[in-house]
Amino acid sequence: MKIRPIEPKDDAQIKAIIQSAIREYGNDLPDSPYYDTVLDHLAEHYDHQDKAKYWVAEVDGEIVGGGGLGPFSYPHTAEFQKLYLSPAARGHHIGHQLETLAEQTAKEYGYQKFYIETFLNYKAARGLYQHVGFTQLDKPLGDKPSHKACTAWYVKDI
């Protein structure tokens, strides 16, 4: 398995993985990540943001998932964004590796908090977040959630 920064050639594959995973759990709701307009050009989106980065995970040259980080509207906070894996990639610690890399990078960028918006029915992902030290919140952090459809929120000091 190899983790590397996203490239424009990866956009269609990672978009398909993200949207498939969201649909799989019935979370393709209005105002969910399913409809993010940046999915068509994810590499360019992260390349043109300050203090943001996205990685893809490859197995035998095939993209099996990805995850990244970007600035959030709450002071000194990075958001862990778009961690999605294909079904075959789940359960192999790839999500954990992507989270660790994103958190380390967020620290290097000077962020003090790491935030996640997700869905209650993503039980495995939520287990990962709790395992690596995130605390569940009762409501979104700040007054500008990234996705109003999300139903679970986590934060940790980094």
N, C-alpha and C. Protein backbone atom coordinates (compact mmCIF):
# COMPACT_ATOMS: atom_id res chain seq x y z
N MET A 1 0.84 -1.17 0.00
CA MET A 1 0.00 0.00 0.00
C MET A 1 0.88 1.23 0.00
N LYS A 2 0.46 2.22 -0.76
CA LYS A 2 1.21 3.47 -0.88
C LYS A 2 0.24 4.63 -0.66
N ILE A 3 0.67 5.60 0.13
CA ILE A 3 -0.09 6.83 0.31
C ILE A 3 0.71 7.95 -0.33
N ARG A 4 0.06 8.74 -1.17
CA ARG A 4 0.73 9.83 -1.87
C ARG A 4 -0.23 10.99 -2.06
N PRO A 5 0.32 12.19 -2.31
CA PRO A 5 -0.56 13.34 -2.57
C PRO A 5 -1.43 13.09 -3.81
N ILE A 6 -2.64 13.60 -3.77
CA ILE A 6 -3.54 13.45 -4.91
C ILE A 6 -2.99 14.20 -6.12
N GLU A 7 -3.28 13.66 -7.29
CA GLU A 7 -2.92 14.27 -8.57
C GLU A 7 -4.20 14.41 -9.39
N PRO A 8 -4.22 15.33 -10.36
CA PRO A 8 -5.44 15.51 -11.16
C PRO A 8 -5.94 14.21 -11.81
N LYS A 9 -5.05 13.32 -12.18
CA LYS A 9 -5.46 12.05 -12.81
C LYS A 9 -6.26 11.16 -11.85
N ASP A 10 -6.22 11.47 -10.54
CA ASP A 10 -6.92 10.66 -9.54
C ASP A 10 -8.34 11.13 -9.27
N ASP A 11 -8.69 12.31 -9.76
CA ASP A 11 -9.97 12.92 -9.39
C ASP A 11 -11.18 12.03 -9.64
N ALA A 12 -11.29 11.45 -10.82
CA ALA A 12 -12.47 10.64 -11.14
C ALA A 12 -12.56 9.41 -10.25
N GLN A 13 -11.42 8.75 -9.99
CA GLN A 13 -11.43 7.55 -9.16
C GLN A 13 -11.82 7.86 -7.71
N ILE A 14 -11.26 8.91 -7.14
CA ILE A 14 -11.56 9.21 -5.74
C ILE A 14 -12.98 9.74 -5.61
N LYS A 15 -13.46 10.48 -6.60
CA LYS A 15 -14.86 10.94 -6.58
C LYS A 15 -15.79 9.73 -6.57
N ALA A 16 -15.51 8.74 -7.40
CA ALA A 16 -16.35 7.54 -7.46
C ALA A 16 -16.35 6.80 -6.11
N ILE A 17 -15.19 6.70 -5.47
CA ILE A 17 -15.10 6.03 -4.16
C ILE A 17 -15.89 6.82 -3.12
N ILE A 18 -15.71 8.13 -3.09
CA ILE A 18 -16.41 8.97 -2.11
C ILE A 18 -17.92 8.85 -2.29
N GLN A 19 -18.40 9.04 -3.50
CA GLN A 19 -19.85 9.02 -3.72
C GLN A 19 -20.44 7.62 -3.51
N SER A 20 -19.71 6.59 -3.88
CA SER A 20 -20.19 5.23 -3.66
C SER A 20 -20.33 4.92 -2.17
N ALA A 21 -19.33 5.32 -1.38
CA ALA A 21 -19.37 5.07 0.06
C ALA A 21 -20.51 5.85 0.72
N ILE A 22 -20.72 7.07 0.29
CA ILE A 22 -21.80 7.88 0.86
C ILE A 22 -23.16 7.25 0.52
N ARG A 23 -23.33 6.84 -0.73
CA ARG A 23 -24.58 6.17 -1.17
C ARG A 23 -24.80 4.87 -0.43
N GLU A 24 -23.71 4.12 -0.23
CA GLU A 24 -23.79 2.81 0.45
C GLU A 24 -24.48 2.93 1.81
N TYR A 25 -24.26 4.03 2.49
CA TYR A 25 -24.83 4.22 3.83
C TYR A 25 -26.09 5.09 3.80
N GLY A 26 -26.57 5.44 2.62
CA GLY A 26 -27.78 6.23 2.50
C GLY A 26 -27.61 7.68 2.90
N ASN A 27 -26.40 8.19 2.82
CA ASN A 27 -26.12 9.56 3.24
C ASN A 27 -25.99 10.54 2.08
N ASP A 28 -26.47 10.14 0.91
CA ASP A 28 -26.43 11.03 -0.26
C ASP A 28 -27.61 12.01 -0.19
N LEU A 29 -27.57 12.79 0.86
CA LEU A 29 -28.62 13.75 1.19
C LEU A 29 -28.22 15.15 0.73
N PRO A 30 -29.20 16.03 0.54
CA PRO A 30 -28.84 17.42 0.25
C PRO A 30 -27.94 17.96 1.37
N ASP A 31 -26.99 18.75 1.00
CA ASP A 31 -26.04 19.38 1.93
C ASP A 31 -25.10 18.37 2.59
N SER A 32 -24.87 17.26 1.90
CA SER A 32 -23.88 16.27 2.35
C SER A 32 -22.66 16.34 1.44
N PRO A 33 -21.57 15.69 1.84
CA PRO A 33 -20.36 15.70 0.99
C PRO A 33 -20.60 15.09 -0.40
N TYR A 34 -21.65 14.31 -0.56
CA TYR A 34 -21.96 13.68 -1.85
C TYR A 34 -22.04 14.73 -2.96
N TYR A 35 -22.55 15.90 -2.62
CA TYR A 35 -22.79 16.94 -3.62
C TYR A 35 -21.72 18.02 -3.65
N ASP A 36 -20.61 17.81 -2.99
CA ASP A 36 -19.54 18.81 -3.02
C ASP A 36 -19.10 19.06 -4.45
N THR A 37 -19.12 20.31 -4.85
CA THR A 37 -18.73 20.66 -6.22
C THR A 37 -17.24 20.45 -6.48
N VAL A 38 -16.45 20.40 -5.42
CA VAL A 38 -14.99 20.23 -5.61
C VAL A 38 -14.61 18.80 -5.98
N LEU A 39 -15.53 17.86 -5.88
CA LEU A 39 -15.18 16.46 -6.16
C LEU A 39 -14.69 16.24 -7.59
N ASP A 40 -15.11 17.07 -8.51
CA ASP A 40 -14.66 16.91 -9.89
C ASP A 40 -13.22 17.34 -10.11
N HIS A 41 -12.71 18.15 -9.21
CA HIS A 41 -11.33 18.65 -9.35
C HIS A 41 -10.68 18.74 -7.96
N LEU A 42 -10.70 17.63 -7.24
CA LEU A 42 -10.21 17.59 -5.86
C LEU A 42 -8.73 17.96 -5.77
N ALA A 43 -7.92 17.46 -6.69
CA ALA A 43 -6.47 17.76 -6.66
C ALA A 43 -6.23 19.26 -6.77
N GLU A 44 -6.89 19.89 -7.70
CA GLU A 44 -6.74 21.34 -7.88
C GLU A 44 -7.26 22.09 -6.66
N HIS A 45 -8.37 21.64 -6.11
CA HIS A 45 -8.96 22.29 -4.93
C HIS A 45 -7.95 22.32 -3.77
N TYR A 46 -7.34 21.19 -3.48
CA TYR A 46 -6.39 21.15 -2.36
C TYR A 46 -5.07 21.83 -2.71
N ASP A 47 -4.69 21.79 -3.97
CA ASP A 47 -3.44 22.43 -4.39
C ASP A 47 -3.53 23.96 -4.27
N HIS A 48 -4.72 24.50 -4.41
CA HIS A 48 -4.88 25.95 -4.40
C HIS A 48 -5.35 26.51 -3.05
N GLN A 49 -5.38 25.69 -2.03
CA GLN A 49 -5.74 26.15 -0.69
C GLN A 49 -4.49 26.26 0.16
N ASP A 50 -4.47 27.24 1.01
CA ASP A 50 -3.39 27.39 1.98
C ASP A 50 -3.60 26.40 3.12
N LYS A 51 -2.54 25.76 3.57
CA LYS A 51 -2.58 24.84 4.71
C LYS A 51 -3.64 23.75 4.53
N ALA A 52 -3.62 23.13 3.37
CA ALA A 52 -4.55 22.06 3.04
C ALA A 52 -3.80 21.00 2.23
N LYS A 53 -4.26 19.77 2.36
CA LYS A 53 -3.59 18.68 1.64
C LYS A 53 -4.55 17.49 1.57
N TYR A 54 -4.44 16.72 0.50
CA TYR A 54 -5.25 15.50 0.33
C TYR A 54 -4.35 14.40 -0.21
N TRP A 55 -4.53 13.21 0.33
CA TRP A 55 -3.75 12.05 -0.09
C TRP A 55 -4.67 10.95 -0.58
N VAL A 56 -4.15 10.15 -1.48
CA VAL A 56 -4.84 8.94 -1.91
C VAL A 56 -4.03 7.73 -1.48
N ALA A 57 -4.73 6.65 -1.25
CA ALA A 57 -4.09 5.37 -0.91
C ALA A 57 -4.22 4.46 -2.13
N GLU A 58 -3.12 3.84 -2.49
CA GLU A 58 -3.08 2.93 -3.64
C GLU A 58 -2.69 1.54 -3.18
N VAL A 59 -3.32 0.56 -3.78
CA VAL A 59 -2.92 -0.83 -3.60
C VAL A 59 -2.75 -1.40 -5.01
N ASP A 60 -1.57 -1.89 -5.30
CA ASP A 60 -1.26 -2.43 -6.63
C ASP A 60 -1.62 -1.44 -7.74
N GLY A 61 -1.32 -0.15 -7.51
CA GLY A 61 -1.56 0.88 -8.50
C GLY A 61 -2.99 1.35 -8.61
N GLU A 62 -3.90 0.80 -7.82
CA GLU A 62 -5.30 1.20 -7.87
C GLU A 62 -5.65 2.05 -6.64
N ILE A 63 -6.32 3.15 -6.87
CA ILE A 63 -6.76 4.01 -5.77
C ILE A 63 -7.85 3.27 -4.99
N VAL A 64 -7.68 3.19 -3.67
CA VAL A 64 -8.66 2.50 -2.83
C VAL A 64 -9.28 3.44 -1.79
N GLY A 65 -8.84 4.69 -1.76
CA GLY A 65 -9.40 5.64 -0.82
C GLY A 65 -8.54 6.88 -0.70
N GLY A 66 -8.96 7.75 0.21
CA GLY A 66 -8.21 8.97 0.43
C GLY A 66 -8.72 9.71 1.65
N GLY A 67 -8.00 10.76 1.99
CA GLY A 67 -8.36 11.62 3.10
C GLY A 67 -7.47 12.83 3.11
N GLY A 68 -7.95 13.90 3.71
CA GLY A 68 -7.15 15.12 3.71
C GLY A 68 -7.53 16.07 4.82
N LEU A 69 -6.97 17.26 4.73
CA LEU A 69 -7.27 18.28 5.72
C LEU A 69 -7.33 19.63 5.04
N GLY A 70 -8.10 20.51 5.65
CA GLY A 70 -8.20 21.86 5.16
C GLY A 70 -8.58 22.79 6.29
N PRO A 71 -8.49 24.08 6.06
CA PRO A 71 -8.84 25.04 7.11
C PRO A 71 -10.33 24.97 7.40
N PHE A 72 -10.68 25.25 8.66
CA PHE A 72 -12.07 25.29 9.09
C PHE A 72 -12.37 26.68 9.63
N SER A 73 -13.62 27.07 9.67
CA SER A 73 -14.00 28.43 10.05
C SER A 73 -13.83 28.74 11.54
N TYR A 74 -13.49 27.77 12.34
CA TYR A 74 -13.25 27.98 13.77
C TYR A 74 -11.77 28.30 13.97
N PRO A 75 -11.42 29.22 14.86
CA PRO A 75 -10.01 29.65 15.00
C PRO A 75 -9.03 28.49 15.25
N HIS A 76 -7.92 28.53 14.54
CA HIS A 76 -6.78 27.61 14.72
C HIS A 76 -7.18 26.14 14.52
N THR A 77 -8.18 25.90 13.67
CA THR A 77 -8.73 24.56 13.52
C THR A 77 -8.63 24.07 12.08
N ALA A 78 -8.14 22.85 11.94
CA ALA A 78 -8.14 22.16 10.65
C ALA A 78 -9.28 21.15 10.68
N GLU A 79 -9.84 20.91 9.52
CA GLU A 79 -10.88 19.89 9.40
C GLU A 79 -10.30 18.68 8.68
N PHE A 80 -10.50 17.50 9.27
CA PHE A 80 -10.16 16.25 8.61
C PHE A 80 -11.26 15.99 7.60
N GLN A 81 -10.91 15.90 6.32
CA GLN A 81 -11.91 15.91 5.26
C GLN A 81 -11.85 14.69 4.36
N LYS A 82 -13.02 14.27 3.98
CA LYS A 82 -13.22 13.28 2.92
C LYS A 82 -12.39 12.01 3.08
N LEU A 83 -12.45 11.43 4.28
CA LEU A 83 -11.86 10.11 4.49
C LEU A 83 -12.87 9.07 4.02
N TYR A 84 -12.60 8.49 2.89
CA TYR A 84 -13.46 7.45 2.33
C TYR A 84 -12.58 6.35 1.75
N LEU A 85 -13.02 5.12 1.96
CA LEU A 85 -12.30 3.95 1.46
C LEU A 85 -13.26 3.05 0.69
N SER A 86 -12.73 2.36 -0.31
CA SER A 86 -13.53 1.35 -1.00
C SER A 86 -13.80 0.21 -0.03
N PRO A 87 -14.85 -0.56 -0.23
CA PRO A 87 -15.15 -1.66 0.70
C PRO A 87 -13.97 -2.62 0.91
N ALA A 88 -13.22 -2.92 -0.14
CA ALA A 88 -12.10 -3.86 -0.02
C ALA A 88 -10.95 -3.30 0.81
N ALA A 89 -10.87 -1.98 0.92
CA ALA A 89 -9.77 -1.34 1.66
C ALA A 89 -10.07 -1.17 3.14
N ARG A 90 -11.31 -1.36 3.52
CA ARG A 90 -11.69 -1.14 4.93
C ARG A 90 -11.16 -2.28 5.80
N GLY A 91 -10.81 -1.94 7.03
CA GLY A 91 -10.33 -2.94 7.97
C GLY A 91 -8.85 -3.26 7.85
N HIS A 92 -8.11 -2.47 7.08
CA HIS A 92 -6.68 -2.71 6.87
C HIS A 92 -5.82 -1.57 7.40
N HIS A 93 -6.36 -0.76 8.28
CA HIS A 93 -5.65 0.35 8.93
C HIS A 93 -5.27 1.48 7.99
N ILE A 94 -5.86 1.51 6.81
CA ILE A 94 -5.57 2.59 5.86
C ILE A 94 -6.15 3.90 6.37
N GLY A 95 -7.36 3.86 6.90
CA GLY A 95 -7.97 5.06 7.46
C GLY A 95 -7.15 5.62 8.61
N HIS A 96 -6.63 4.73 9.43
CA HIS A 96 -5.79 5.16 10.56
C HIS A 96 -4.52 5.84 10.04
N GLN A 97 -3.91 5.28 9.01
CA GLN A 97 -2.70 5.87 8.45
C GLN A 97 -2.97 7.24 7.83
N LEU A 98 -4.11 7.37 7.15
CA LEU A 98 -4.47 8.66 6.56
C LEU A 98 -4.75 9.69 7.65
N GLU A 99 -5.43 9.29 8.72
CA GLU A 99 -5.71 10.22 9.81
C GLU A 99 -4.42 10.67 10.48
N THR A 100 -3.51 9.75 10.73
CA THR A 100 -2.23 10.08 11.37
C THR A 100 -1.44 11.06 10.52
N LEU A 101 -1.37 10.81 9.23
CA LEU A 101 -0.65 11.70 8.31
C LEU A 101 -1.29 13.08 8.28
N ALA A 102 -2.61 13.13 8.20
CA ALA A 102 -3.31 14.41 8.16
C ALA A 102 -3.12 15.17 9.47
N GLU A 103 -3.19 14.48 10.59
CA GLU A 103 -3.01 15.15 11.88
C GLU A 103 -1.59 15.69 12.03
N GLN A 104 -0.60 14.91 11.65
CA GLN A 104 0.79 15.38 11.71
C GLN A 104 0.99 16.61 10.83
N THR A 105 0.40 16.58 9.66
CA THR A 105 0.52 17.72 8.74
C THR A 105 -0.19 18.94 9.32
N ALA A 106 -1.36 18.74 9.92
CA ALA A 106 -2.09 19.85 10.55
C ALA A 106 -1.23 20.51 11.64
N LYS A 107 -0.54 19.69 12.43
CA LYS A 107 0.36 20.23 13.46
C LYS A 107 1.47 21.06 12.81
N GLU A 108 2.07 20.53 11.75
CA GLU A 108 3.14 21.24 11.04
C GLU A 108 2.65 22.57 10.48
N TYR A 109 1.40 22.62 10.06
CA TYR A 109 0.81 23.85 9.53
C TYR A 109 0.47 24.84 10.65
N GLY A 110 0.56 24.42 11.90
CA GLY A 110 0.29 25.33 13.01
C GLY A 110 -1.12 25.29 13.58
N TYR A 111 -1.93 24.36 13.10
CA TYR A 111 -3.27 24.23 13.66
C TYR A 111 -3.18 23.70 15.09
N GLN A 112 -4.18 24.04 15.91
CA GLN A 112 -4.22 23.59 17.30
C GLN A 112 -5.33 22.60 17.58
N LYS A 113 -6.31 22.55 16.69
CA LYS A 113 -7.43 21.61 16.84
C LYS A 113 -7.66 20.90 15.51
N PHE A 114 -8.19 19.67 15.63
CA PHE A 114 -8.52 18.87 14.46
C PHE A 114 -9.99 18.49 14.61
N TYR A 115 -10.79 18.75 13.59
CA TYR A 115 -12.24 18.65 13.66
C TYR A 115 -12.76 17.73 12.55
N ILE A 116 -13.84 17.03 12.85
CA ILE A 116 -14.45 16.12 11.87
C ILE A 116 -15.96 16.28 11.91
N GLU A 117 -16.57 16.34 10.74
CA GLU A 117 -18.02 16.23 10.60
C GLU A 117 -18.29 14.92 9.88
N THR A 118 -19.20 14.11 10.42
CA THR A 118 -19.45 12.79 9.85
C THR A 118 -20.91 12.40 10.08
N PHE A 119 -21.20 11.13 9.94
CA PHE A 119 -22.56 10.62 10.13
C PHE A 119 -22.56 9.55 11.22
N LEU A 120 -23.62 9.51 11.99
CA LEU A 120 -23.74 8.51 13.07
C LEU A 120 -23.65 7.08 12.55
N ASN A 121 -24.14 6.83 11.33
CA ASN A 121 -24.12 5.46 10.82
C ASN A 121 -22.77 5.03 10.24
N TYR A 122 -21.76 5.88 10.29
CA TYR A 122 -20.40 5.47 9.93
C TYR A 122 -19.72 4.93 11.19
N LYS A 123 -20.15 3.79 11.65
CA LYS A 123 -19.69 3.26 12.94
C LYS A 123 -18.19 2.95 12.95
N ALA A 124 -17.67 2.36 11.91
CA ALA A 124 -16.24 2.03 11.89
C ALA A 124 -15.39 3.30 11.90
N ALA A 125 -15.77 4.28 11.12
CA ALA A 125 -15.02 5.54 11.09
C ALA A 125 -15.09 6.23 12.46
N ARG A 126 -16.27 6.25 13.05
CA ARG A 126 -16.41 6.87 14.36
C ARG A 126 -15.57 6.13 15.41
N GLY A 127 -15.48 4.82 15.28
CA GLY A 127 -14.62 4.05 16.18
C GLY A 127 -13.16 4.44 16.03
N LEU A 128 -12.73 4.65 14.80
CA LEU A 128 -11.36 5.11 14.55
C LEU A 128 -11.14 6.47 15.21
N TYR A 129 -12.06 7.40 15.01
CA TYR A 129 -11.88 8.74 15.57
C TYR A 129 -11.76 8.69 17.09
N GLN A 130 -12.59 7.89 17.72
CA GLN A 130 -12.51 7.77 19.18
C GLN A 130 -11.21 7.09 19.60
N HIS A 131 -10.79 6.11 18.83
CA HIS A 131 -9.55 5.38 19.14
C HIS A 131 -8.33 6.30 19.11
N VAL A 132 -8.32 7.27 18.20
CA VAL A 132 -7.16 8.16 18.08
C VAL A 132 -7.31 9.45 18.88
N GLY A 133 -8.31 9.50 19.76
CA GLY A 133 -8.38 10.60 20.71
C GLY A 133 -9.36 11.72 20.44
N PHE A 134 -10.22 11.58 19.44
CA PHE A 134 -11.23 12.60 19.21
C PHE A 134 -12.33 12.48 20.27
N THR A 135 -12.93 13.60 20.61
CA THR A 135 -14.06 13.66 21.52
C THR A 135 -15.30 14.04 20.74
N GLN A 136 -16.38 13.32 20.95
CA GLN A 136 -17.62 13.62 20.25
C GLN A 136 -18.27 14.87 20.84
N LEU A 137 -18.80 15.71 19.95
CA LEU A 137 -19.50 16.92 20.34
C LEU A 137 -21.01 16.72 20.20
N ASP A 138 -21.78 17.54 20.87
CA ASP A 138 -23.24 17.48 20.78
C ASP A 138 -23.78 18.22 19.56
N LYS A 139 -22.96 19.11 19.02
CA LYS A 139 -23.37 19.91 17.87
C LYS A 139 -22.11 20.30 17.09
N PRO A 140 -22.28 20.84 15.89
CA PRO A 140 -21.11 21.25 15.11
C PRO A 140 -20.28 22.31 15.84
N LEU A 141 -19.01 22.32 15.56
CA LEU A 141 -18.09 23.33 16.11
C LEU A 141 -18.32 24.64 15.38
N GLY A 142 -18.47 25.72 16.13
CA GLY A 142 -18.67 27.03 15.51
C GLY A 142 -20.05 27.17 14.90
N ASP A 143 -20.20 28.18 14.10
CA ASP A 143 -21.51 28.45 13.52
C ASP A 143 -21.57 28.23 12.01
N LYS A 144 -20.53 27.61 11.45
CA LYS A 144 -20.51 27.37 10.00
C LYS A 144 -20.09 25.93 9.69
N PRO A 145 -20.98 24.96 9.92
CA PRO A 145 -20.60 23.58 9.58
C PRO A 145 -20.34 23.45 8.08
N SER A 146 -19.46 22.55 7.73
CA SER A 146 -19.17 22.32 6.31
C SER A 146 -20.34 21.66 5.60
N HIS A 147 -21.00 20.74 6.31
CA HIS A 147 -22.11 19.99 5.73
C HIS A 147 -23.24 19.88 6.75
N LYS A 148 -24.32 20.57 6.48
CA LYS A 148 -25.44 20.59 7.42
C LYS A 148 -26.11 19.23 7.57
N ALA A 149 -25.92 18.32 6.62
CA ALA A 149 -26.54 17.00 6.70
C ALA A 149 -25.84 16.08 7.69
N CYS A 150 -24.62 16.39 8.08
CA CYS A 150 -23.87 15.52 9.00
C CYS A 150 -24.56 15.45 10.36
N THR A 151 -24.39 14.31 11.03
CA THR A 151 -25.10 14.05 12.28
C THR A 151 -24.17 13.74 13.45
N ALA A 152 -22.86 13.80 13.24
CA ALA A 152 -21.89 13.55 14.31
C ALA A 152 -20.68 14.44 14.09
N TRP A 153 -20.12 14.95 15.21
CA TRP A 153 -19.02 15.89 15.13
C TRP A 153 -18.00 15.54 16.20
N TYR A 154 -16.73 15.65 15.85
CA TYR A 154 -15.63 15.29 16.74
C TYR A 154 -14.54 16.36 16.68
N VAL A 155 -13.81 16.50 17.78
CA VAL A 155 -12.69 17.43 17.81
C VAL A 155 -11.62 16.88 18.74
N LYS A 156 -10.40 17.29 18.49
CA LYS A 156 -9.30 16.97 19.41
C LYS A 156 -8.27 18.08 19.36
N ASP A 157 -7.59 18.26 20.47
CA ASP A 157 -6.47 19.20 20.51
C ASP A 157 -5.27 18.48 19.92
N ILE A 158 -4.48 19.22 19.11
CA ILE A 158 -3.29 18.60 18.53
C ILE A 158 -2.04 19.41 18.86
